[in-house]
Amino acid sequence: MEKKRVVFLSVVLMLGLVLGGQASAQSAKGPDKILIGSPASLTGMFAGFGQGQSWGAKAAVEDINKQGGVMVKEFGRKIPLDITFANTESNPQKAGALAEQMIVGQKVNFLVTGNEPPPMHSLAATMAQRYNVVHLAHAAVLEPWLAMRKNASPAWRNTWAFGFSIAAGAQPGDFRYKQPGFTILDTWLPTLDQIAGKTNRKVGVFSSNEPDGVAWYSLFPAALKGKGYFVSGIDQKLGLFPGETTDFSSIISKWKADNVEVLWGNCAAPLFGALWKQSRTLGFKPKAVFCGRAPANYIDVASWGGDLPLGIGLEIKWSPLFATRGIGDTTPQSLLERWTKDTGQPLNDNIGLGYYVIQVLADAIERAGTLDPDAVNKALSATDLMTINARVKFDSNQFNLIPLSFGQWQKVTTPAKWALKLVSTKHAFVKTEAQFIFPIPPY
């Protein structure tokens, strides 16, 4: 009996050594894939953003995997990327729950969230910190993002953000410091100044009453007044409205009474669509419209119907006209061609934004030489990389400011009928492609 017991224990010990050796070999080999989880607004009011960025991120993963994957020194080989998307339905709460599910359930190595308003990223950033996972977020707008980051508990040390500034701009010592074309203010205002002499310089400012819109409204009326423009109803905060607003008639009536000729604002696409339709119905006909967020994506402006998209202007965050390069032989133009072939849609600048975030992540992993989050965070802090969306370098707030140009929705002869044309820029690596339409018909 004792002999049998000894034999049994010897077999167990040998089996343990074999399995342990296999586990050790597997550990030395590393994972078969580097897993990336991406909660994205594939439906809902931010679907245009989520669909574009997720396609762009997937395209970058495909390009990297064509080269064998990302070289990870710790394992002595290239490892392919595998990205999974989950639909947040444009709901910030769901974005956080999905991020946690991807980290805990799917065991993703990294989180990526695309170009959507700052609140869409906050809970994902909290989950990334809770579980010590590196998170890259295209958080859109600097000022509301920093306000949220300042009050975050625990602090978002694992989240690296990309986006543009309303007015603050880059920090001293940054290569973008005091350079034009990195804030909404120095991208929109020069365009407005070009036509100001043909207007009465009276502006109506509008935005939705949430973090992105509030930051917008708190900065722009004063900036416009400082440039010599009259801003209608600023003392009453005219044009700052709740997200559930459906009747804009009182705001429009005040703009008409003040003879406003320029609109300037920021809100979600359904809100602006309703505001703009009611403006036309009530006979309010401004000569120029500058609007952030709402007209950013083709699927949104096309949904307004008729000629409502004509002449609506906004910032352009990425363009196939950029003289930059992606991974392998991918260029901005070839990326657009792939998008159009896959979707049948015209330009969605989020494809470039989704693409270059993956470029940045892959570069950081390769320089870290490991998948360890602390090492990858350290590599991200030292990032200085030319991407398909120009040069990327994070500041002390772990934020990378992106270049902006100005575009306008114009009619084209393609089946899509509308295209966002780049009409103004301050950057040498991009060129304009059309003239600014002024005034907006029916003038």
Protein backbone atom coordinates (compact mmCIF):
# COMPACT_ATOMS: atom_id res chain seq x y z
CA MET A 1 0.00 0.00 0.00
CA GLU A 2 2.78 2.34 0.97
CA LYS A 3 4.62 1.53 -2.26
CA LYS A 4 1.54 2.40 -4.32
CA ARG A 5 1.25 5.69 -2.46
CA VAL A 6 4.88 6.56 -3.24
CA VAL A 7 4.36 5.74 -6.91
CA PHE A 8 1.17 7.86 -6.99
CA LEU A 9 2.93 10.84 -5.41
CA SER A 10 5.83 10.48 -7.82
CA VAL A 11 3.42 10.57 -10.79
CA VAL A 12 1.69 13.65 -9.36
CA LEU A 13 5.06 15.36 -8.84
CA MET A 14 6.21 14.56 -12.37
CA LEU A 15 2.91 15.74 -13.82
CA GLY A 16 3.24 18.97 -11.86
CA LEU A 17 6.75 19.49 -13.15
CA VAL A 18 5.61 18.89 -16.74
CA LEU A 19 2.62 21.21 -16.45
CA GLY A 20 4.71 23.78 -14.65
CA GLY A 21 7.28 23.58 -17.39
CA GLN A 22 4.59 24.04 -20.01
CA ALA A 23 3.17 27.06 -18.16
CA SER A 24 6.66 28.51 -17.85
CA ALA A 25 7.26 27.99 -21.55
CA GLN A 26 3.92 29.60 -22.37
CA SER A 27 4.78 32.56 -20.10
CA ALA A 28 8.14 32.97 -21.81
CA LYS A 29 6.46 32.82 -25.19
CA GLY A 30 3.91 35.46 -24.21
CA PRO A 31 0.29 35.75 -25.34
CA ASP A 32 -0.86 34.76 -28.79
CA LYS A 33 -2.48 38.18 -29.20
CA ILE A 34 -2.42 41.61 -27.57
CA LEU A 35 -6.05 42.28 -26.67
CA ILE A 36 -7.52 45.78 -27.02
CA GLY A 37 -11.03 46.60 -25.83
CA SER A 38 -12.92 49.57 -27.23
CA PRO A 39 -16.30 50.71 -25.89
CA ALA A 40 -17.69 52.81 -28.77
CA SER A 41 -20.89 54.64 -29.70
CA LEU A 42 -21.94 52.49 -32.64
CA THR A 43 -25.54 53.69 -32.29
CA GLY A 44 -27.19 56.72 -30.71
CA MET A 45 -26.40 60.42 -31.01
CA PHE A 46 -22.62 59.89 -31.22
CA ALA A 47 -22.78 57.03 -33.73
CA GLY A 48 -21.02 59.03 -36.44
CA PHE A 49 -18.04 59.46 -34.12
CA GLY A 50 -18.01 55.85 -32.89
CA GLN A 51 -18.44 54.26 -36.29
CA GLY A 52 -15.64 56.31 -37.82
CA GLN A 53 -13.12 55.85 -35.03
CA SER A 54 -13.79 52.12 -34.67
CA TRP A 55 -13.28 51.62 -38.40
CA GLY A 56 -10.04 53.63 -38.27
CA ALA A 57 -8.75 51.70 -35.26
CA LYS A 58 -9.53 48.40 -36.97
CA ALA A 59 -7.72 49.58 -40.13
CA ALA A 60 -4.60 50.40 -38.08
CA VAL A 61 -4.72 46.98 -36.41
CA GLU A 62 -4.94 45.33 -39.84
CA ASP A 63 -1.93 47.32 -41.08
CA ILE A 64 0.14 46.41 -38.02
CA ASN A 65 -0.80 42.75 -38.26
CA LYS A 66 0.22 42.69 -41.93
CA GLN A 67 3.72 43.35 -40.61
CA GLY A 68 3.44 40.51 -38.11
CA GLY A 69 2.22 42.54 -35.15
CA VAL A 70 4.03 44.58 -32.51
CA MET A 71 7.57 43.64 -31.53
CA VAL A 72 7.68 42.90 -27.78
CA LYS A 73 11.26 42.52 -26.59
CA GLU A 74 10.29 40.62 -23.43
CA PHE A 75 9.04 37.73 -25.57
CA GLY A 76 11.52 38.17 -28.41
CA ARG A 77 8.92 38.24 -31.15
CA LYS A 78 6.13 40.17 -32.83
CA ILE A 79 2.64 39.68 -31.39
CA PRO A 80 -0.51 40.48 -33.42
CA LEU A 81 -3.14 42.90 -32.12
CA ASP A 82 -6.77 41.91 -31.61
CA ILE A 83 -9.33 44.70 -31.10
CA THR A 84 -12.90 44.16 -29.91
CA PHE A 85 -15.65 46.80 -29.97
CA ALA A 86 -18.70 47.00 -27.73
CA ASN A 87 -21.63 49.33 -28.39
CA THR A 88 -22.17 51.95 -25.67
CA GLU A 89 -25.28 53.24 -27.48
CA SER A 90 -23.89 56.76 -26.76
CA ASN A 91 -24.51 56.20 -23.03
CA PRO A 92 -21.67 57.22 -20.64
CA GLN A 93 -22.87 54.81 -17.95
CA LYS A 94 -22.84 51.91 -20.36
CA ALA A 95 -19.36 52.93 -21.53
CA GLY A 96 -18.06 52.42 -18.00
CA ALA A 97 -19.82 49.08 -17.54
CA LEU A 98 -18.52 47.78 -20.85
CA ALA A 99 -14.99 48.91 -20.04
CA GLU A 100 -15.11 46.95 -16.78
CA GLN A 101 -16.55 43.92 -18.55
CA MET A 102 -13.77 44.00 -21.13
CA ILE A 103 -11.09 44.28 -18.46
CA VAL A 104 -12.46 41.68 -16.03
CA GLY A 105 -14.28 39.32 -18.38
CA GLN A 106 -12.28 39.48 -21.60
CA LYS A 107 -8.94 40.20 -19.93
CA VAL A 108 -8.01 42.93 -22.41
CA ASN A 109 -4.50 44.32 -22.12
CA PHE A 110 -5.46 47.85 -23.15
CA LEU A 111 -8.52 50.11 -23.48
CA VAL A 112 -9.17 52.57 -26.30
CA THR A 113 -12.09 55.01 -26.49
CA GLY A 114 -12.68 57.17 -29.57
CA ASN A 115 -13.41 60.78 -30.44
CA GLU A 116 -16.55 61.47 -28.42
CA PRO A 117 -17.51 64.15 -25.86
CA PRO A 118 -15.53 64.01 -22.58
CA PRO A 119 -18.30 62.42 -20.43
CA MET A 120 -18.19 59.34 -22.69
CA HIS A 121 -14.66 58.57 -21.43
CA SER A 122 -14.83 59.32 -17.71
CA LEU A 123 -16.07 55.98 -16.37
CA ALA A 124 -13.76 54.06 -18.69
CA ALA A 125 -10.87 56.11 -17.26
CA THR A 126 -12.01 55.23 -13.74
CA MET A 127 -12.13 51.52 -14.60
CA ALA A 128 -8.71 51.70 -16.23
CA GLN A 129 -7.32 53.12 -13.01
CA ARG A 130 -9.15 50.66 -10.77
CA TYR A 131 -7.78 47.65 -12.65
CA ASN A 132 -4.41 49.16 -13.67
CA VAL A 133 -5.02 49.01 -17.42
CA VAL A 134 -3.55 51.56 -19.86
CA HIS A 135 -6.30 53.59 -21.53
CA LEU A 136 -6.01 55.82 -24.62
CA ALA A 137 -8.97 58.19 -24.98
CA HIS A 138 -9.70 60.60 -27.79
CA ALA A 139 -11.42 62.84 -25.25
CA ALA A 140 -12.28 65.59 -27.77
CA VAL A 141 -12.04 68.84 -25.79
CA LEU A 142 -9.24 69.81 -23.40
CA GLU A 143 -10.98 72.23 -21.03
CA PRO A 144 -13.92 70.05 -19.88
CA TRP A 145 -11.65 67.00 -19.87
CA LEU A 146 -9.17 68.66 -17.50
CA ALA A 147 -12.00 69.79 -15.22
CA MET A 148 -13.24 66.21 -15.00
CA ARG A 149 -9.71 64.84 -14.58
CA LYS A 150 -8.97 67.27 -11.75
CA ASN A 151 -11.91 65.96 -9.73
CA ALA A 152 -11.47 62.28 -10.58
CA SER A 153 -11.03 59.83 -7.71
CA PRO A 154 -8.94 57.80 -8.07
CA ALA A 155 -6.77 60.02 -10.26
CA TRP A 156 -6.66 58.98 -13.91
CA ARG A 157 -2.95 58.09 -14.12
CA ASN A 158 -3.51 55.34 -16.68
CA THR A 159 -5.45 57.44 -19.19
CA TRP A 160 -3.72 59.30 -22.02
CA ALA A 161 -5.99 61.71 -23.86
CA PHE A 162 -6.05 63.26 -27.32
CA GLY A 163 -8.08 66.21 -28.55
CA PHE A 164 -8.23 69.93 -29.15
CA SER A 165 -8.50 73.00 -26.97
CA ILE A 166 -11.27 75.57 -27.00
CA ALA A 167 -8.97 78.44 -26.11
CA ALA A 168 -6.21 77.42 -23.68
CA GLY A 169 -3.73 75.98 -26.15
CA ALA A 170 -0.44 74.25 -25.42
CA GLN A 171 1.71 74.66 -22.33
CA PRO A 172 5.02 76.60 -22.36
CA GLY A 173 7.83 74.43 -23.68
CA ASP A 174 5.50 72.43 -25.91
CA PHE A 175 6.28 72.57 -29.65
CA ARG A 176 2.69 73.75 -30.16
CA TYR A 177 2.96 76.61 -27.65
CA LYS A 178 1.51 79.82 -29.15
CA GLN A 179 1.28 78.15 -32.54
CA PRO A 180 -1.98 78.78 -34.45
CA GLY A 181 -4.31 75.99 -35.43
CA PHE A 182 -4.49 74.05 -32.16
CA THR A 183 -7.53 75.72 -30.59
CA ILE A 184 -11.08 76.34 -31.75
CA LEU A 185 -10.60 80.03 -31.08
CA ASP A 186 -7.61 80.47 -33.39
CA THR A 187 -9.16 78.17 -36.02
CA TRP A 188 -12.68 79.59 -36.15
CA LEU A 189 -11.97 83.27 -35.50
CA PRO A 190 -9.66 83.82 -38.51
CA THR A 191 -12.37 82.32 -40.72
CA LEU A 192 -15.00 84.56 -39.16
CA ASP A 193 -12.73 87.59 -39.45
CA GLN A 194 -12.46 86.99 -43.21
CA ILE A 195 -16.18 87.62 -43.63
CA ALA A 196 -16.79 89.99 -40.70
CA GLY A 197 -16.73 93.08 -42.91
CA LYS A 198 -19.64 91.67 -44.90
CA THR A 199 -21.76 91.19 -41.78
CA ASN A 200 -23.17 93.48 -39.06
CA ARG A 201 -20.86 91.66 -36.55
CA LYS A 202 -23.86 90.44 -34.52
CA VAL A 203 -23.52 86.86 -33.24
CA GLY A 204 -25.86 84.36 -31.61
CA VAL A 205 -24.06 81.85 -29.39
CA PHE A 206 -25.63 78.48 -28.52
CA SER A 207 -24.68 75.26 -26.76
CA SER A 208 -26.21 72.39 -24.82
CA ASN A 209 -26.10 72.46 -21.03
CA GLU A 210 -23.58 69.64 -20.35
CA PRO A 211 -19.80 69.68 -19.66
CA ASP A 212 -18.69 70.11 -23.27
CA GLY A 213 -21.31 72.75 -24.06
CA VAL A 214 -20.94 74.63 -20.77
CA ALA A 215 -17.18 74.95 -21.27
CA TRP A 216 -17.87 76.21 -24.78
CA TYR A 217 -20.44 78.78 -23.67
CA SER A 218 -18.32 80.00 -20.77
CA LEU A 219 -15.44 80.95 -23.08
CA PHE A 220 -16.76 82.06 -26.46
CA PRO A 221 -19.17 84.94 -25.76
CA ALA A 222 -16.44 86.87 -23.94
CA ALA A 223 -13.89 86.03 -26.65
CA LEU A 224 -16.24 87.27 -29.37
CA LYS A 225 -17.01 90.46 -27.47
CA GLY A 226 -13.28 91.00 -27.05
CA LYS A 227 -12.91 90.88 -30.83
CA GLY A 228 -15.56 93.54 -31.31
CA TYR A 229 -18.60 91.36 -31.99
CA PHE A 230 -22.03 91.95 -30.42
CA VAL A 231 -23.31 88.76 -28.73
CA SER A 232 -27.09 88.50 -28.42
CA GLY A 233 -28.51 87.87 -24.94
CA ILE A 234 -25.22 87.07 -23.26
CA ASP A 235 -26.31 88.47 -19.88
CA GLN A 236 -29.31 86.12 -19.87
CA LYS A 237 -27.24 83.18 -21.16
CA LEU A 238 -29.43 83.09 -24.23
CA GLY A 239 -28.73 79.99 -26.30
CA LEU A 240 -27.60 77.77 -23.40
CA PHE A 241 -30.27 75.07 -23.41
CA PRO A 242 -30.94 71.65 -21.81
CA GLY A 243 -30.30 68.55 -23.89
CA GLU A 244 -33.97 67.64 -23.97
CA THR A 245 -35.01 70.96 -25.57
CA THR A 246 -37.37 70.66 -28.55
CA ASP A 247 -38.71 74.22 -28.84
CA PHE A 248 -36.10 76.87 -29.70
CA SER A 249 -38.58 79.56 -30.75
CA SER A 250 -37.87 81.97 -27.88
CA ILE A 251 -34.13 81.87 -28.59
CA ILE A 252 -34.64 82.30 -32.32
CA SER A 253 -37.07 85.20 -31.79
CA LYS A 254 -34.46 87.06 -29.74
CA TRP A 255 -31.82 86.48 -32.41
CA LYS A 256 -34.20 87.82 -35.04
CA ALA A 257 -34.99 90.87 -32.92
CA ASP A 258 -31.28 91.57 -32.51
CA ASN A 259 -30.72 91.09 -36.26
CA VAL A 260 -28.12 88.34 -35.68
CA GLU A 261 -26.23 87.40 -38.85
CA VAL A 262 -23.77 84.80 -37.50
CA LEU A 263 -24.44 81.68 -35.40
CA TRP A 264 -21.65 80.17 -33.31
CA GLY A 265 -22.10 77.13 -31.07
CA ASN A 266 -21.78 73.49 -30.05
CA CYS A 267 -24.31 70.73 -29.42
CA ALA A 268 -25.28 67.23 -30.51
CA ALA A 269 -26.55 66.68 -34.05
CA PRO A 270 -30.24 66.08 -33.23
CA LEU A 271 -30.39 69.31 -31.21
CA PHE A 272 -28.82 71.44 -33.92
CA GLY A 273 -30.97 69.78 -36.57
CA ALA A 274 -34.11 70.83 -34.67
CA LEU A 275 -32.72 74.34 -34.00
CA TRP A 276 -31.78 74.86 -37.65
CA LYS A 277 -35.10 73.58 -39.03
CA GLN A 278 -37.04 75.86 -36.67
CA SER A 279 -34.81 78.79 -37.67
CA ARG A 280 -35.76 78.30 -41.32
CA THR A 281 -39.45 77.87 -40.46
CA LEU A 282 -39.46 81.09 -38.43
CA GLY A 283 -37.69 83.02 -41.17
CA PHE A 284 -34.37 83.39 -39.36
CA LYS A 285 -31.62 83.42 -42.00
CA PRO A 286 -28.11 83.98 -40.64
CA LYS A 287 -25.37 84.51 -43.22
CA ALA A 288 -22.86 82.13 -41.58
CA VAL A 289 -23.03 79.22 -39.13
CA PHE A 290 -20.10 77.89 -37.10
CA CYS A 291 -21.10 74.75 -35.19
CA GLY A 292 -19.02 72.22 -33.30
CA ARG A 293 -19.90 68.54 -32.87
CA ALA A 294 -23.35 68.47 -34.55
CA PRO A 295 -22.17 68.61 -38.19
CA ALA A 296 -19.00 66.57 -37.68
CA ASN A 297 -20.29 63.44 -39.43
CA TYR A 298 -21.98 62.78 -42.74
CA ILE A 299 -24.67 60.47 -41.35
CA ASP A 300 -25.83 63.29 -39.06
CA VAL A 301 -25.96 66.15 -41.56
CA ALA A 302 -27.60 63.91 -44.17
CA SER A 303 -30.36 63.12 -41.67
CA TRP A 304 -31.41 66.78 -41.49
CA GLY A 305 -32.83 66.63 -44.99
CA GLY A 306 -33.15 69.15 -47.80
CA ASP A 307 -30.38 71.74 -48.11
CA LEU A 308 -29.97 72.22 -44.36
CA PRO A 309 -26.30 71.07 -44.34
CA LEU A 310 -25.26 73.69 -46.94
CA GLY A 311 -22.64 76.07 -45.61
CA ILE A 312 -22.49 74.77 -42.03
CA GLY A 313 -18.89 75.15 -40.88
CA LEU A 314 -16.79 73.48 -38.20
CA GLU A 315 -13.28 72.38 -37.27
CA ILE A 316 -11.67 69.52 -39.20
CA LYS A 317 -9.57 67.23 -37.00
CA TRP A 318 -8.08 65.03 -39.71
CA SER A 319 -8.05 65.13 -43.49
CA PRO A 320 -6.95 62.93 -46.40
CA LEU A 321 -5.18 66.10 -47.57
CA PHE A 322 -2.63 65.76 -44.75
CA ALA A 323 0.96 65.21 -45.95
CA THR A 324 1.50 62.49 -43.35
CA ARG A 325 1.86 58.72 -43.38
CA GLY A 326 0.33 55.76 -41.62
CA ILE A 327 1.63 52.22 -41.15
CA GLY A 328 3.28 50.47 -44.09
CA ASP A 329 2.09 52.02 -47.34
CA THR A 330 -1.08 53.57 -45.89
CA THR A 331 -1.49 57.29 -46.58
CA PRO A 332 -4.32 59.62 -45.54
CA GLN A 333 -5.75 59.41 -49.05
CA SER A 334 -5.56 55.62 -49.25
CA LEU A 335 -7.20 55.37 -45.82
CA LEU A 336 -10.12 57.46 -47.07
CA GLU A 337 -10.39 55.28 -50.18
CA ARG A 338 -10.57 52.14 -48.02
CA TRP A 339 -13.29 53.75 -45.87
CA THR A 340 -15.36 54.81 -48.88
CA LYS A 341 -15.04 51.37 -50.47
CA ASP A 342 -16.13 49.66 -47.25
CA THR A 343 -18.97 52.01 -46.28
CA GLY A 344 -19.98 54.02 -49.34
CA GLN A 345 -19.72 57.16 -47.19
CA PRO A 346 -17.70 60.33 -47.83
CA LEU A 347 -15.05 61.60 -45.42
CA ASN A 348 -15.51 60.95 -41.71
CA ASP A 349 -12.48 62.52 -40.04
CA ASN A 350 -12.80 60.12 -37.12
CA ILE A 351 -11.24 57.37 -39.24
CA GLY A 352 -7.89 59.15 -39.04
CA LEU A 353 -8.32 59.73 -35.31
CA GLY A 354 -9.11 56.09 -34.61
CA TYR A 355 -6.15 55.03 -36.74
CA TYR A 356 -3.45 57.16 -35.16
CA VAL A 357 -4.39 56.29 -31.57
CA ILE A 358 -3.57 52.67 -32.38
CA GLN A 359 -0.31 53.86 -33.97
CA VAL A 360 0.59 55.58 -30.71
CA LEU A 361 -0.30 52.56 -28.57
CA ALA A 362 1.70 50.15 -30.75
CA ASP A 363 4.72 52.47 -30.66
CA ALA A 364 4.58 52.70 -26.85
CA ILE A 365 4.32 48.92 -26.44
CA GLU A 366 7.30 48.41 -28.72
CA ARG A 367 9.42 50.98 -26.89
CA ALA A 368 8.39 49.57 -23.50
CA GLY A 369 9.37 46.09 -24.68
CA THR A 370 6.65 44.59 -22.51
CA LEU A 371 2.91 44.62 -21.88
CA ASP A 372 3.42 45.71 -18.28
CA PRO A 373 1.12 48.75 -17.73
CA ASP A 374 3.64 50.74 -15.71
CA ALA A 375 6.28 50.33 -18.41
CA VAL A 376 3.82 51.22 -21.18
CA ASN A 377 2.71 54.31 -19.22
CA LYS A 378 6.33 55.37 -18.94
CA ALA A 379 6.81 54.88 -22.68
CA LEU A 380 3.69 56.93 -23.43
CA SER A 381 5.05 59.79 -21.31
CA ALA A 382 8.09 59.91 -23.64
CA THR A 383 6.11 59.63 -26.89
CA ASP A 384 7.27 61.87 -29.74
CA LEU A 385 5.89 60.26 -32.87
CA MET A 386 4.92 61.27 -36.39
CA THR A 387 1.57 59.67 -37.20
CA ILE A 388 -1.12 59.81 -39.86
CA ASN A 389 -2.47 62.76 -37.83
CA ALA A 390 0.84 64.63 -37.51
CA ARG A 391 3.17 64.77 -34.52
CA VAL A 392 2.06 63.32 -31.16
CA LYS A 393 3.59 64.38 -27.86
CA PHE A 394 1.81 64.34 -24.49
CA ASP A 395 2.00 67.23 -22.01
CA SER A 396 2.12 67.10 -18.20
CA ASN A 397 -1.65 66.52 -18.15
CA GLN A 398 -1.20 63.41 -20.31
CA PHE A 399 -2.98 65.21 -23.15
CA ASN A 400 -1.95 65.51 -26.80
CA LEU A 401 -3.25 68.55 -28.69
CA ILE A 402 -4.18 67.78 -32.29
CA PRO A 403 -4.00 70.20 -35.26
CA LEU A 404 -7.24 71.80 -36.45
CA SER A 405 -8.35 73.23 -39.77
CA PHE A 406 -11.71 74.64 -40.81
CA GLY A 407 -14.24 72.97 -43.09
CA GLN A 408 -17.68 73.57 -44.51
CA TRP A 409 -20.39 71.27 -45.82
CA GLN A 410 -20.82 71.81 -49.54
CA LYS A 411 -22.78 70.17 -52.35
CA VAL A 412 -21.01 67.64 -54.55
CA THR A 413 -22.08 65.62 -57.58
CA THR A 414 -21.51 62.21 -55.97
CA PRO A 415 -24.45 60.10 -54.75
CA ALA A 416 -23.71 61.25 -51.20
CA LYS A 417 -24.62 64.82 -52.28
CA TRP A 418 -22.64 66.39 -49.42
CA ALA A 419 -18.93 66.60 -48.57
CA LEU A 420 -17.03 68.38 -45.81
CA LYS A 421 -14.55 70.59 -47.67
CA LEU A 422 -11.41 72.01 -46.06
CA VAL A 423 -11.57 75.79 -46.63
CA SER A 424 -9.06 77.27 -44.17
CA THR A 425 -5.92 76.11 -42.33
CA LYS A 426 -2.84 77.41 -40.53
CA HIS A 427 -0.79 74.22 -41.02
CA ALA A 428 1.89 73.72 -43.65
CA PHE A 429 1.24 69.96 -43.97
CA VAL A 430 -2.31 70.42 -45.26
CA LYS A 431 -3.85 72.45 -48.08
CA THR A 432 -7.29 73.92 -48.69
CA GLU A 433 -9.57 72.39 -51.32
CA ALA A 434 -12.49 74.82 -51.68
CA GLN A 435 -13.62 78.40 -51.17
CA PHE A 436 -15.70 79.39 -48.15
CA ILE A 437 -19.39 79.73 -49.09
CA PHE A 438 -20.71 83.12 -47.97
CA PRO A 439 -23.42 84.02 -47.39
CA ILE A 440 -25.37 80.82 -46.87
CA PRO A 441 -28.22 80.75 -49.43
CA PRO A 442 -30.99 81.98 -49.75
CA TYR A 443 -29.10 85.30 -49.61
